Amino acid sequence: DRREFDALFRAMAEARRGVVAVAPGGTLGIEDLYDIQPTTGLPFTYGALLTSPAGNHVRLLERNHVGRTAGADVWPQVTPRPLTFAFSMAAPYLLNVNAEFAALGTCSVEERRARYADPEWRARAWRGVDGLPMAPRWDTYEIESGRVAEAAEARGVTPLDVLLDAAIERGDLAVHVRCVIANDDEAGVALLLSDETTTLGLSDAGAHVGQLCDAPQATDLLGSWVRERGVMSIEAAVRKLSGLQADLFGFTDRGYLRPGAWADVVVFDPATVAPGPIRRVRDFPGGSERLTADQPVGVAHVLVNGVAIRRDGAPVDEAERGRPGHVV
């Protein structure tokens, strides 16, 4: 509860080090951060400030301007990438907020298939999914055979019926679904990225390895938003990716190219830099899947603490095995 949050904030204020990172909700909302941060004395950041069809991002950005003017050191995290999820109908992560899907969490494949085929269960599930506060944006849903909304309209059924039928037809239910949740408003994303009071974040970092991969956030920013759209200068983008992050976390010897600093360097071609493909691999224990983006375009060299781990566009296997980086 809120008392636990307050105790943590007091401990950080006494230690005078660190950064408070918050996933707002429940007893600690975004509005609370602007009241608490000045009493803590450490930077606050929250994730994530994303565009939404309702335009809530504009209000939150304006609130941040007002809060910072009043002295609150709060940094909303923004990202250049749409919040895109990939999941399987054998374990439909995004649909589990619906009680009917959540109840299937411990079911076998056979039991789940039987529910998917049951017309009464489908009717209850559709009522539940369609009534969620953040209802699925069916126009963004895609499966291997095409766009879900188009197939639903052509067949005269609900989008959920299309997903369930495809899963049953597959047998093991493992039909992969891809959809966008938020942050696909180009003008809104440009507004958030170019604002001087936001910081880059929400890069996933492995939280949902089989459903989400935003590891190419940096190359997307440099390629799609700097070169192609001209939303900001390359200098501003590089600062967002390096110096600003170091300043926010209080790292005095990182984030800048200068004598005495750790040589963490990326050498890229501004004319070609781009994310490259996101691919699904199955190399986890038990054959579990993950998404990876390990083939960037236009990234020539990468140095970690002065050691080249990528040279002329290719990984340096020996250097990677040596792990020249360390926890800061």
C-alpha atoms as a PDB file:
ATOM      1  CA  ASP A   1       0.000   0.000   0.000  1.00  0.00           C
ATOM      2  CA  ARG A   2       0.977   3.647  -0.031  1.00  0.00           C
ATOM      3  CA  ARG A   3       2.848   3.384   3.287  1.00  0.00           C
ATOM      4  CA  GLU A   4       5.297   0.974   1.696  1.00  0.00           C
ATOM      5  CA  PHE A   5       5.941   3.354  -1.188  1.00  0.00           C
ATOM      6  CA  ASP A   6       6.520   6.216   1.249  1.00  0.00           C
ATOM      7  CA  ALA A   7       8.969   4.127   3.279  1.00  0.00           C
ATOM      8  CA  LEU A   8      10.960   3.315   0.133  1.00  0.00           C
ATOM      9  CA  PHE A   9      11.029   6.974  -0.876  1.00  0.00           C
ATOM     10  CA  ARG A  10      12.266   7.993   2.597  1.00  0.00           C
ATOM     11  CA  ALA A  11      15.056   5.428   2.416  1.00  0.00           C
ATOM     12  CA  MET A  12      16.166   6.742  -0.985  1.00  0.00           C
ATOM     13  CA  ALA A  13      16.000  10.341   0.210  1.00  0.00           C
ATOM     14  CA  GLU A  14      18.272   9.456   3.127  1.00  0.00           C
ATOM     15  CA  ALA A  15      20.717   7.584   0.893  1.00  0.00           C
ATOM     16  CA  ARG A  16      20.781  10.482  -1.609  1.00  0.00           C
ATOM     17  CA  ARG A  17      21.470   8.176  -4.519  1.00  0.00           C
ATOM     18  CA  GLY A  18      19.542   6.351  -7.195  1.00  0.00           C
ATOM     19  CA  VAL A  19      16.604   7.043  -9.479  1.00  0.00           C
ATOM     20  CA  VAL A  20      12.962   6.291  -8.686  1.00  0.00           C
ATOM     21  CA  ALA A  21      11.339   4.385 -11.563  1.00  0.00           C
ATOM     22  CA  VAL A  22       7.586   3.911 -11.292  1.00  0.00           C
ATOM     23  CA  ALA A  23       4.948   1.920 -13.136  1.00  0.00           C
ATOM     24  CA  PRO A  24       2.016   4.152 -12.109  1.00  0.00           C
ATOM     25  CA  GLY A  25      -1.278   2.707 -10.987  1.00  0.00           C
ATOM     26  CA  GLY A  26      -3.310   1.766  -7.962  1.00  0.00           C
ATOM     27  CA  THR A  27      -2.164   3.691  -4.915  1.00  0.00           C
ATOM     28  CA  LEU A  28       0.565   5.594  -6.767  1.00  0.00           C
ATOM     29  CA  GLY A  29      -0.583   7.472  -9.840  1.00  0.00           C
ATOM     30  CA  ILE A  30       1.236   9.834 -12.184  1.00  0.00           C
ATOM     31  CA  GLU A  31      -0.199  12.882 -10.433  1.00  0.00           C
ATOM     32  CA  ASP A  32       1.320  11.736  -7.129  1.00  0.00           C
ATOM     33  CA  LEU A  33       4.834  11.760  -8.566  1.00  0.00           C
ATOM     34  CA  TYR A  34       4.896  15.534  -8.888  1.00  0.00           C
ATOM     35  CA  ASP A  35       4.054  15.925  -5.188  1.00  0.00           C
ATOM     36  CA  ILE A  36       6.480  13.285  -3.919  1.00  0.00           C
ATOM     37  CA  GLN A  37       9.579  13.931  -6.044  1.00  0.00           C
ATOM     38  CA  PRO A  38      10.580  17.302  -4.505  1.00  0.00           C
ATOM     39  CA  THR A  39      10.532  15.758  -1.008  1.00  0.00           C
ATOM     40  CA  THR A  40      12.694  12.836  -2.169  1.00  0.00           C
ATOM     41  CA  GLY A  41      15.264  14.901  -4.018  1.00  0.00           C
ATOM     42  CA  LEU A  42      16.080  12.234  -6.601  1.00  0.00           C
ATOM     43  CA  PRO A  43      14.999  12.065 -10.256  1.00  0.00           C
ATOM     44  CA  PHE A  44      11.709  10.273 -10.926  1.00  0.00           C
ATOM     45  CA  THR A  45      10.869   8.507 -14.164  1.00  0.00           C
ATOM     46  CA  TYR A  46       7.755   6.613 -15.123  1.00  0.00           C
ATOM     47  CA  GLY A  47       6.854   4.281 -17.947  1.00  0.00           C
ATOM     48  CA  ALA A  48       5.394   4.793 -20.214  1.00  0.00           C
ATOM     49  CA  LEU A  49       3.971   7.888 -21.859  1.00  0.00           C
ATOM     50  CA  LEU A  50       2.454   6.510 -25.051  1.00  0.00           C
ATOM     51  CA  THR A  51       0.073   7.954 -27.590  1.00  0.00           C
ATOM     52  CA  SER A  52      -3.506   6.757 -27.418  1.00  0.00           C
ATOM     53  CA  PRO A  53      -6.522   7.257 -29.671  1.00  0.00           C
ATOM     54  CA  ALA A  54      -8.101   9.337 -26.879  1.00  0.00           C
ATOM     55  CA  GLY A  55      -5.168  11.778 -26.887  1.00  0.00           C
ATOM     56  CA  ASN A  56      -4.348  11.364 -23.197  1.00  0.00           C
ATOM     57  CA  HIS A  57      -0.653  11.743 -24.005  1.00  0.00           C
ATOM     58  CA  VAL A  58      -1.089  15.451 -24.767  1.00  0.00           C
ATOM     59  CA  ARG A  59      -2.589  16.099 -21.340  1.00  0.00           C
ATOM     60  CA  LEU A  60       0.151  14.142 -19.572  1.00  0.00           C
ATOM     61  CA  LEU A  61       2.879  15.974 -21.473  1.00  0.00           C
ATOM     62  CA  GLU A  62       1.366  19.311 -20.501  1.00  0.00           C
ATOM     63  CA  ARG A  63       1.116  18.118 -16.897  1.00  0.00           C
ATOM     64  CA  ASN A  64       4.802  17.303 -16.973  1.00  0.00           C
ATOM     65  CA  HIS A  65       5.643  20.798 -18.200  1.00  0.00           C
ATOM     66  CA  VAL A  66       3.644  22.338 -15.355  1.00  0.00           C
ATOM     67  CA  GLY A  67       5.203  19.994 -12.803  1.00  0.00           C
ATOM     68  CA  ARG A  68       8.754  20.627 -13.937  1.00  0.00           C
ATOM     69  CA  THR A  69       8.179  24.376 -13.950  1.00  0.00           C
ATOM     70  CA  ALA A  70       7.115  23.993 -10.310  1.00  0.00           C
ATOM     71  CA  GLY A  71      10.365  22.166  -9.535  1.00  0.00           C
ATOM     72  CA  ALA A  72       9.464  18.471  -9.870  1.00  0.00           C
ATOM     73  CA  ASP A  73      12.265  16.489 -11.552  1.00  0.00           C
ATOM     74  CA  VAL A  74      10.029  13.934 -13.309  1.00  0.00           C
ATOM     75  CA  TRP A  75      10.906  12.300 -16.636  1.00  0.00           C
ATOM     76  CA  PRO A  76       8.208  10.414 -18.572  1.00  0.00           C
ATOM     77  CA  GLN A  77       9.599   7.556 -20.657  1.00  0.00           C
ATOM     78  CA  VAL A  78       8.730   7.643 -24.351  1.00  0.00           C
ATOM     79  CA  THR A  79       9.565   5.384 -27.274  1.00  0.00           C
ATOM     80  CA  PRO A  80       9.642   5.742 -31.056  1.00  0.00           C
ATOM     81  CA  ARG A  81       8.076   2.326 -31.561  1.00  0.00           C
ATOM     82  CA  PRO A  82       4.428   1.274 -31.555  1.00  0.00           C
ATOM     83  CA  LEU A  83       3.585  -0.896 -28.561  1.00  0.00           C
ATOM     84  CA  THR A  84       3.208  -4.093 -30.557  1.00  0.00           C
ATOM     85  CA  PHE A  85       2.538  -7.480 -28.994  1.00  0.00           C
ATOM     86  CA  ALA A  86       2.861 -10.934 -30.480  1.00  0.00           C
ATOM     87  CA  PHE A  87       1.237 -13.860 -28.700  1.00  0.00           C
ATOM     88  CA  SER A  88      -0.118 -17.328 -29.316  1.00  0.00           C
ATOM     89  CA  MET A  89      -3.741 -18.363 -28.954  1.00  0.00           C
ATOM     90  CA  ALA A  90      -2.397 -21.308 -26.946  1.00  0.00           C
ATOM     91  CA  ALA A  91      -1.477 -18.725 -24.270  1.00  0.00           C
ATOM     92  CA  PRO A  92      -3.211 -15.485 -25.272  1.00  0.00           C
ATOM     93  CA  TYR A  93      -1.434 -13.047 -22.964  1.00  0.00           C
ATOM     94  CA  LEU A  94      -3.344  -9.897 -23.892  1.00  0.00           C
ATOM     95  CA  LEU A  95      -6.753 -11.570 -23.722  1.00  0.00           C
ATOM     96  CA  ASN A  96      -6.159 -12.912 -20.213  1.00  0.00           C
ATOM     97  CA  VAL A  97      -7.518  -9.700 -18.699  1.00  0.00           C
ATOM     98  CA  ASN A  98     -10.887 -11.177 -19.671  1.00  0.00           C
ATOM     99  CA  ALA A  99     -12.212 -13.435 -16.925  1.00  0.00           C
ATOM    100  CA  GLU A 100     -13.200 -16.195 -19.360  1.00  0.00           C
ATOM    101  CA  PHE A 101      -9.674 -16.418 -20.769  1.00  0.00           C
ATOM    102  CA  ALA A 102      -8.052 -16.026 -17.359  1.00  0.00           C
ATOM    103  CA  ALA A 103      -9.992 -19.043 -16.094  1.00  0.00           C
ATOM    104  CA  LEU A 104      -8.275 -21.198 -18.728  1.00  0.00           C
ATOM    105  CA  GLY A 105      -4.807 -20.486 -17.365  1.00  0.00           C
ATOM    106  CA  THR A 106      -4.202 -23.991 -16.003  1.00  0.00           C
ATOM    107  CA  CYS A 107      -6.187 -25.870 -18.656  1.00  0.00           C
ATOM    108  CA  SER A 108      -4.636 -28.415 -20.981  1.00  0.00           C
ATOM    109  CA  VAL A 109      -4.600 -27.798 -24.722  1.00  0.00           C
ATOM    110  CA  GLU A 110      -7.522 -30.204 -25.119  1.00  0.00           C
ATOM    111  CA  GLU A 111      -9.587 -28.433 -22.464  1.00  0.00           C
ATOM    112  CA  ARG A 112      -8.811 -25.036 -23.935  1.00  0.00           C
ATOM    113  CA  ARG A 113      -9.729 -26.244 -27.428  1.00  0.00           C
ATOM    114  CA  ALA A 114     -13.074 -27.479 -26.123  1.00  0.00           C
ATOM    115  CA  ARG A 115     -13.824 -24.075 -24.584  1.00  0.00           C
ATOM    116  CA  TYR A 116     -12.800 -22.293 -27.778  1.00  0.00           C
ATOM    117  CA  ALA A 117     -15.280 -24.431 -29.715  1.00  0.00           C
ATOM    118  CA  ASP A 118     -18.165 -23.942 -27.280  1.00  0.00           C
ATOM    119  CA  PRO A 119     -20.642 -21.324 -28.642  1.00  0.00           C
ATOM    120  CA  GLU A 120     -21.807 -20.351 -25.143  1.00  0.00           C
ATOM    121  CA  TRP A 121     -18.253 -19.848 -23.909  1.00  0.00           C
ATOM    122  CA  ARG A 122     -17.513 -17.764 -27.010  1.00  0.00           C
ATOM    123  CA  ALA A 123     -20.507 -15.546 -26.359  1.00  0.00           C
ATOM    124  CA  ARG A 124     -19.407 -14.907 -22.762  1.00  0.00           C
ATOM    125  CA  ALA A 125     -15.820 -14.293 -23.837  1.00  0.00           C
ATOM    126  CA  TRP A 126     -16.876 -11.825 -26.525  1.00  0.00           C
ATOM    127  CA  ARG A 127     -19.006  -9.855 -24.080  1.00  0.00           C
ATOM    128  CA  GLY A 128     -16.074  -9.754 -21.675  1.00  0.00           C
ATOM    129  CA  VAL A 129     -13.435  -8.779 -24.220  1.00  0.00           C
ATOM    130  CA  ASP A 130     -15.545  -6.130 -25.869  1.00  0.00           C
ATOM    131  CA  GLY A 131     -16.393  -4.552 -22.509  1.00  0.00           C
ATOM    132  CA  LEU A 132     -12.824  -4.081 -21.262  1.00  0.00           C
ATOM    133  CA  PRO A 133     -11.667  -0.536 -20.368  1.00  0.00           C
ATOM    134  CA  MET A 134      -8.909  -0.989 -22.981  1.00  0.00           C
ATOM    135  CA  ALA A 135     -10.793  -3.066 -25.522  1.00  0.00           C
ATOM    136  CA  PRO A 136      -8.691  -4.769 -28.222  1.00  0.00           C
ATOM    137  CA  ARG A 137      -8.091  -2.623 -31.269  1.00  0.00           C
ATOM    138  CA  TRP A 138      -9.297  -5.283 -33.658  1.00  0.00           C
ATOM    139  CA  ASP A 139      -8.307  -3.280 -36.732  1.00  0.00           C
ATOM    140  CA  THR A 140      -4.647  -3.864 -35.789  1.00  0.00           C
ATOM    141  CA  TYR A 141      -4.943  -7.620 -35.176  1.00  0.00           C
ATOM    142  CA  GLU A 142      -3.187  -9.877 -37.668  1.00  0.00           C
ATOM    143  CA  ILE A 143      -2.634 -13.630 -37.957  1.00  0.00           C
ATOM    144  CA  GLU A 144      -0.716 -15.657 -40.516  1.00  0.00           C
ATOM    145  CA  SER A 145      -3.677 -15.659 -42.913  1.00  0.00           C
ATOM    146  CA  GLY A 146      -4.213 -11.899 -42.842  1.00  0.00           C
ATOM    147  CA  ARG A 147      -6.022  -9.116 -40.996  1.00  0.00           C
ATOM    148  CA  VAL A 148      -8.535 -10.325 -38.447  1.00  0.00           C
ATOM    149  CA  ALA A 149     -11.089  -7.499 -38.819  1.00  0.00           C
ATOM    150  CA  GLU A 150     -11.288  -7.978 -42.581  1.00  0.00           C
ATOM    151  CA  ALA A 151     -11.829 -11.720 -42.229  1.00  0.00           C
ATOM    152  CA  ALA A 152     -14.510 -11.146 -39.580  1.00  0.00           C
ATOM    153  CA  GLU A 153     -16.396  -8.715 -41.800  1.00  0.00           C
ATOM    154  CA  ALA A 154     -16.202 -11.039 -44.788  1.00  0.00           C
ATOM    155  CA  ARG A 155     -17.535 -13.976 -42.776  1.00  0.00           C
ATOM    156  CA  GLY A 156     -20.101 -12.032 -40.766  1.00  0.00           C
ATOM    157  CA  VAL A 157     -18.629 -13.104 -37.415  1.00  0.00           C
ATOM    158  CA  THR A 158     -16.760 -11.378 -34.589  1.00  0.00           C
ATOM    159  CA  PRO A 159     -12.966 -10.884 -34.687  1.00  0.00           C
ATOM    160  CA  LEU A 160     -12.752 -13.180 -31.682  1.00  0.00           C
ATOM    161  CA  ASP A 161     -14.462 -15.932 -33.693  1.00  0.00           C
ATOM    162  CA  VAL A 162     -11.782 -15.574 -36.360  1.00  0.00           C
ATOM    163  CA  LEU A 163      -9.018 -16.022 -33.782  1.00  0.00           C
ATOM    164  CA  LEU A 164     -10.680 -18.985 -32.102  1.00  0.00           C
ATOM    165  CA  ASP A 165     -11.490 -20.738 -35.390  1.00  0.00           C
ATOM    166  CA  ALA A 166      -7.906 -20.305 -36.595  1.00  0.00           C
ATOM    167  CA  ALA A 167      -6.598 -21.712 -33.322  1.00  0.00           C
ATOM    168  CA  ILE A 168      -8.878 -24.761 -33.483  1.00  0.00           C
ATOM    169  CA  GLU A 169      -7.973 -25.398 -37.101  1.00  0.00           C
ATOM    170  CA  ARG A 170      -4.303 -25.372 -36.141  1.00  0.00           C
ATOM    171  CA  GLY A 171      -4.883 -28.180 -33.628  1.00  0.00           C
ATOM    172  CA  ASP A 172      -2.284 -27.139 -31.059  1.00  0.00           C
ATOM    173  CA  LEU A 173      -3.906 -23.664 -30.883  1.00  0.00           C
ATOM    174  CA  ALA A 174      -0.490 -22.065 -31.487  1.00  0.00           C
ATOM    175  CA  VAL A 175      -1.680 -19.455 -33.987  1.00  0.00           C
ATOM    176  CA  HIS A 176       0.511 -16.384 -33.635  1.00  0.00           C
ATOM    177  CA  VAL A 177      -1.312 -13.084 -33.302  1.00  0.00           C
ATOM    178  CA  ARG A 178       0.204  -9.648 -33.738  1.00  0.00           C
ATOM    179  CA  CYS A 179      -1.488  -6.424 -32.644  1.00  0.00           C
ATOM    180  CA  VAL A 180      -0.842  -2.817 -31.696  1.00  0.00           C
ATOM    181  CA  ILE A 181      -1.897  -1.541 -28.284  1.00  0.00           C
ATOM    182  CA  ALA A 182      -0.734   2.064 -28.398  1.00  0.00           C
ATOM    183  CA  ASN A 183       1.850   4.566 -29.675  1.00  0.00           C
ATOM    184  CA  ASP A 184       1.044   4.341 -33.384  1.00  0.00           C
ATOM    185  CA  ASP A 185      -0.056   7.974 -33.784  1.00  0.00           C
ATOM    186  CA  GLU A 186       2.829   9.378 -35.841  1.00  0.00           C
ATOM    187  CA  ALA A 187       2.213  13.028 -34.980  1.00  0.00           C
ATOM    188  CA  GLY A 188       1.788  12.187 -31.301  1.00  0.00           C
ATOM    189  CA  VAL A 189       4.969  10.093 -31.205  1.00  0.00           C
ATOM    190  CA  ALA A 190       6.884  12.924 -32.878  1.00  0.00           C
ATOM    191  CA  LEU A 191       5.577  15.331 -30.234  1.00  0.00           C
ATOM    192  CA  LEU A 192       6.689  13.083 -27.375  1.00  0.00           C
ATOM    193  CA  LEU A 193      10.100  12.255 -28.833  1.00  0.00           C
ATOM    194  CA  SER A 194      11.058  15.848 -29.557  1.00  0.00           C
ATOM    195  CA  ASP A 195      10.023  17.169 -26.152  1.00  0.00           C
ATOM    196  CA  GLU A 196      13.026  18.142 -24.016  1.00  0.00           C
ATOM    197  CA  THR A 197      11.353  16.941 -20.802  1.00  0.00           C
ATOM    198  CA  THR A 198      10.996  13.285 -21.857  1.00  0.00           C
ATOM    199  CA  THR A 199      13.505  10.457 -21.821  1.00  0.00           C
ATOM    200  CA  LEU A 200      13.725   7.286 -23.866  1.00  0.00           C
ATOM    201  CA  GLY A 201      12.530   4.102 -22.229  1.00  0.00           C
ATOM    202  CA  LEU A 202      10.202   1.118 -22.490  1.00  0.00           C
ATOM    203  CA  SER A 203      12.750  -0.928 -24.435  1.00  0.00           C
ATOM    204  CA  ASP A 204      11.321  -4.132 -22.905  1.00  0.00           C
ATOM    205  CA  ALA A 205      14.728  -5.487 -21.791  1.00  0.00           C
ATOM    206  CA  GLY A 206      13.379  -9.023 -21.704  1.00  0.00           C
ATOM    207  CA  ALA A 207      10.163  -8.615 -19.730  1.00  0.00           C
ATOM    208  CA  HIS A 208       8.014 -10.335 -22.371  1.00  0.00           C
ATOM    209  CA  VAL A 209      10.579 -12.110 -24.519  1.00  0.00           C
ATOM    210  CA  GLY A 210       8.078 -14.131 -26.518  1.00  0.00           C
ATOM    211  CA  GLN A 211       5.582 -11.322 -27.084  1.00  0.00           C
ATOM    212  CA  LEU A 212       7.485  -8.060 -27.409  1.00  0.00           C
ATOM    213  CA  CYS A 213      10.873  -6.946 -28.700  1.00  0.00           C
ATOM    214  CA  ASP A 214      11.697  -3.255 -28.701  1.00  0.00           C
ATOM    215  CA  ALA A 215      15.453  -3.748 -28.545  1.00  0.00           C
ATOM    216  CA  PRO A 216      15.889  -1.793 -31.831  1.00  0.00           C
ATOM    217  CA  GLN A 217      14.539   1.361 -30.203  1.00  0.00           C
ATOM    218  CA  ALA A 218      17.772   3.272 -30.813  1.00  0.00           C
ATOM    219  CA  THR A 219      18.189   2.320 -34.475  1.00  0.00           C
ATOM    220  CA  ASP A 220      14.500   3.031 -35.078  1.00  0.00           C
ATOM    221  CA  LEU A 221      14.911   6.518 -33.615  1.00  0.00           C
ATOM    222  CA  LEU A 222      17.971   7.266 -35.744  1.00  0.00           C
ATOM    223  CA  GLY A 223      16.600   5.764 -38.944  1.00  0.00           C
ATOM    224  CA  SER A 224      12.847   6.277 -38.951  1.00  0.00           C
ATOM    225  CA  TRP A 225      12.499   9.454 -36.926  1.00  0.00           C
ATOM    226  CA  VAL A 226      15.730  11.376 -37.574  1.00  0.00           C
ATOM    227  CA  ARG A 227      16.631  10.466 -41.162  1.00  0.00           C
ATOM    228  CA  GLU A 228      13.232   9.692 -42.700  1.00  0.00           C
ATOM    229  CA  ARG A 229      10.859  11.957 -40.788  1.00  0.00           C
ATOM    230  CA  GLY A 230      13.247  14.712 -39.643  1.00  0.00           C
ATOM    231  CA  VAL A 231      11.565  14.940 -36.240  1.00  0.00           C
ATOM    232  CA  MET A 232      14.818  15.995 -34.558  1.00  0.00           C
ATOM    233  CA  SER A 233      18.446  16.570 -35.404  1.00  0.00           C
ATOM    234  CA  ILE A 234      20.888  13.708 -35.212  1.00  0.00           C
ATOM    235  CA  GLU A 235      22.707  15.547 -32.426  1.00  0.00           C
ATOM    236  CA  ALA A 236      19.525  15.747 -30.353  1.00  0.00           C
ATOM    237  CA  ALA A 237      18.791  12.065 -30.943  1.00  0.00           C
ATOM    238  CA  VAL A 238      22.288  10.985 -29.930  1.00  0.00           C
ATOM    239  CA  ARG A 239      21.986  13.040 -26.751  1.00  0.00           C
ATOM    240  CA  LYS A 240      18.629  11.406 -25.976  1.00  0.00           C
ATOM    241  CA  LEU A 241      20.318   8.024 -26.346  1.00  0.00           C
ATOM    242  CA  SER A 242      23.486   8.777 -24.391  1.00  0.00           C
ATOM    243  CA  GLY A 243      24.255  11.986 -22.485  1.00  0.00           C
ATOM    244  CA  LEU A 244      20.714  12.565 -21.241  1.00  0.00           C
ATOM    245  CA  GLN A 245      20.528   9.022 -19.873  1.00  0.00           C
ATOM    246  CA  ALA A 246      23.876   9.404 -18.129  1.00  0.00           C
ATOM    247  CA  ASP A 247      22.865  12.737 -16.628  1.00  0.00           C
ATOM    248  CA  LEU A 248      19.550  11.338 -15.401  1.00  0.00           C
ATOM    249  CA  PHE A 249      21.263   8.466 -13.595  1.00  0.00           C
ATOM    250  CA  GLY A 250      24.177  10.558 -12.368  1.00  0.00           C
ATOM    251  CA  PHE A 251      26.869   8.686 -14.314  1.00  0.00           C
ATOM    252  CA  THR A 252      29.674  11.228 -14.651  1.00  0.00           C
ATOM    253  CA  ASP A 253      32.013   8.940 -16.603  1.00  0.00           C
ATOM    254  CA  ARG A 254      29.568   7.608 -19.211  1.00  0.00           C
ATOM    255  CA  GLY A 255      27.375   8.935 -21.977  1.00  0.00           C
ATOM    256  CA  TYR A 256      29.946  11.298 -23.492  1.00  0.00           C
ATOM    257  CA  LEU A 257      32.996  11.033 -25.770  1.00  0.00           C
ATOM    258  CA  ARG A 258      35.666  12.689 -23.651  1.00  0.00           C
ATOM    259  CA  PRO A 259      39.002  11.851 -21.981  1.00  0.00           C
ATOM    260  CA  GLY A 260      38.664   9.763 -18.857  1.00  0.00           C
ATOM    261  CA  ALA A 261      35.187   8.435 -19.657  1.00  0.00           C
ATOM    262  CA  TRP A 262      34.434   4.790 -20.357  1.00  0.00           C
ATOM    263  CA  ALA A 263      34.605   4.166 -24.098  1.00  0.00           C
ATOM    264  CA  ASP A 264      31.098   2.874 -24.774  1.00  0.00           C
ATOM    265  CA  VAL A 265      30.812   3.789 -28.455  1.00  0.00           C
ATOM    266  CA  VAL A 266      28.489   2.979 -31.338  1.00  0.00           C
ATOM    267  CA  VAL A 267      29.698   3.840 -34.853  1.00  0.00           C
ATOM    268  CA  PHE A 268      26.787   3.943 -37.302  1.00  0.00           C
ATOM    269  CA  ASP A 269      26.020   5.199 -40.800  1.00  0.00           C
ATOM    270  CA  PRO A 270      23.330   7.934 -40.608  1.00  0.00           C
ATOM    271  CA  ALA A 271      22.356   7.233 -44.235  1.00  0.00           C
ATOM    272  CA  THR A 272      21.436   3.581 -43.635  1.00  0.00           C
ATOM    273  CA  VAL A 273      20.943   2.925 -39.905  1.00  0.00           C
ATOM    274  CA  ALA A 274      17.726   0.983 -39.296  1.00  0.00           C
ATOM    275  CA  PRO A 275      16.350  -1.666 -36.920  1.00  0.00           C
ATOM    276  CA  GLY A 276      16.655  -4.698 -39.179  1.00  0.00           C
ATOM    277  CA  PRO A 277      14.359  -7.709 -38.786  1.00  0.00           C
ATOM    278  CA  ILE A 278      12.734  -9.009 -35.626  1.00  0.00           C
ATOM    279  CA  ARG A 279      12.812 -12.776 -35.662  1.00  0.00           C
ATOM    280  CA  ARG A 280      11.506 -15.566 -33.456  1.00  0.00           C
ATOM    281  CA  VAL A 281      13.985 -18.140 -32.195  1.00  0.00           C
ATOM    282  CA  ARG A 282      13.500 -21.196 -30.037  1.00  0.00           C
ATOM    283  CA  ASP A 283      16.657 -21.519 -27.946  1.00  0.00           C
ATOM    284  CA  PHE A 284      15.392 -21.319 -24.368  1.00  0.00           C
ATOM    285  CA  PRO A 285      15.173 -24.308 -22.011  1.00  0.00           C
ATOM    286  CA  GLY A 286      12.279 -26.570 -22.893  1.00  0.00           C
ATOM    287  CA  GLY A 287      12.159 -25.177 -26.407  1.00  0.00           C
ATOM    288  CA  SER A 288      10.573 -21.900 -25.326  1.00  0.00           C
ATOM    289  CA  GLU A 289      10.506 -19.061 -27.849  1.00  0.00           C
ATOM    290  CA  ARG A 290      11.809 -15.519 -27.754  1.00  0.00           C
ATOM    291  CA  LEU A 291      11.922 -12.581 -30.134  1.00  0.00           C
ATOM    292  CA  THR A 292      15.258 -11.065 -31.019  1.00  0.00           C
ATOM    293  CA  ALA A 293      16.562  -8.177 -33.126  1.00  0.00           C
ATOM    294  CA  ASP A 294      20.237  -8.930 -33.535  1.00  0.00           C
ATOM    295  CA  GLN A 295      20.755  -7.906 -37.170  1.00  0.00           C
ATOM    296  CA  PRO A 296      20.702  -4.075 -37.248  1.00  0.00           C
ATOM    297  CA  VAL A 297      21.360  -2.178 -40.458  1.00  0.00           C
ATOM    298  CA  GLY A 298      24.083   0.438 -40.680  1.00  0.00           C
ATOM    299  CA  VAL A 299      25.771  -0.310 -37.350  1.00  0.00           C
ATOM    300  CA  ALA A 300      29.459  -0.649 -38.170  1.00  0.00           C
ATOM    301  CA  HIS A 301      31.224  -0.916 -34.824  1.00  0.00           C
ATOM    302  CA  VAL A 302      30.259  -1.226 -31.158  1.00  0.00           C
ATOM    303  CA  LEU A 303      32.747  -0.809 -28.321  1.00  0.00           C
ATOM    304  CA  VAL A 304      32.036  -1.641 -24.689  1.00  0.00           C
ATOM    305  CA  ASN A 305      34.558  -0.228 -22.240  1.00  0.00           C
ATOM    306  CA  GLY A 306      36.943   0.244 -25.170  1.00  0.00           C
ATOM    307  CA  VAL A 307      36.642  -3.349 -26.415  1.00  0.00           C
ATOM    308  CA  ALA A 308      35.115  -3.908 -29.878  1.00  0.00           C
ATOM    309  CA  ILE A 309      32.235  -6.387 -29.619  1.00  0.00           C
ATOM    310  CA  ARG A 310      31.023  -5.597 -33.166  1.00  0.00           C
ATOM    311  CA  ARG A 311      33.416  -4.765 -35.996  1.00  0.00           C
ATOM    312  CA  ASP A 312      32.538  -3.935 -39.633  1.00  0.00           C
ATOM    313  CA  GLY A 313      28.924  -4.911 -39.028  1.00  0.00           C
ATOM    314  CA  ALA A 314      29.623  -8.341 -37.582  1.00  0.00           C
ATOM    315  CA  PRO A 315      29.783  -9.575 -33.978  1.00  0.00           C
ATOM    316  CA  VAL A 316      33.218 -10.251 -32.517  1.00  0.00           C
ATOM    317  CA  ASP A 317      32.499 -13.589 -30.875  1.00  0.00           C
ATOM    318  CA  GLU A 318      35.625 -13.718 -28.726  1.00  0.00           C
ATOM    319  CA  ALA A 319      34.996 -10.248 -27.333  1.00  0.00           C
ATOM    320  CA  GLU A 320      31.346 -11.019 -26.629  1.00  0.00           C
ATOM    321  CA  ARG A 321      32.307 -14.127 -24.702  1.00  0.00           C
ATOM    322  CA  GLY A 322      34.749 -12.041 -22.679  1.00  0.00           C
ATOM    323  CA  ARG A 323      31.933  -9.726 -21.574  1.00  0.00           C
ATOM    324  CA  PRO A 324      33.851  -6.460 -21.348  1.00  0.00           C
ATOM    325  CA  GLY A 325      30.933  -4.622 -19.770  1.00  0.00           C
ATOM    326  CA  HIS A 326      30.071  -4.608 -16.091  1.00  0.00           C
ATOM    327  CA  VAL A 327      27.146  -3.588 -13.900  1.00  0.00           C
ATOM    328  CA  VAL A 328      27.244   0.142 -13.147  1.00  0.00           C
END
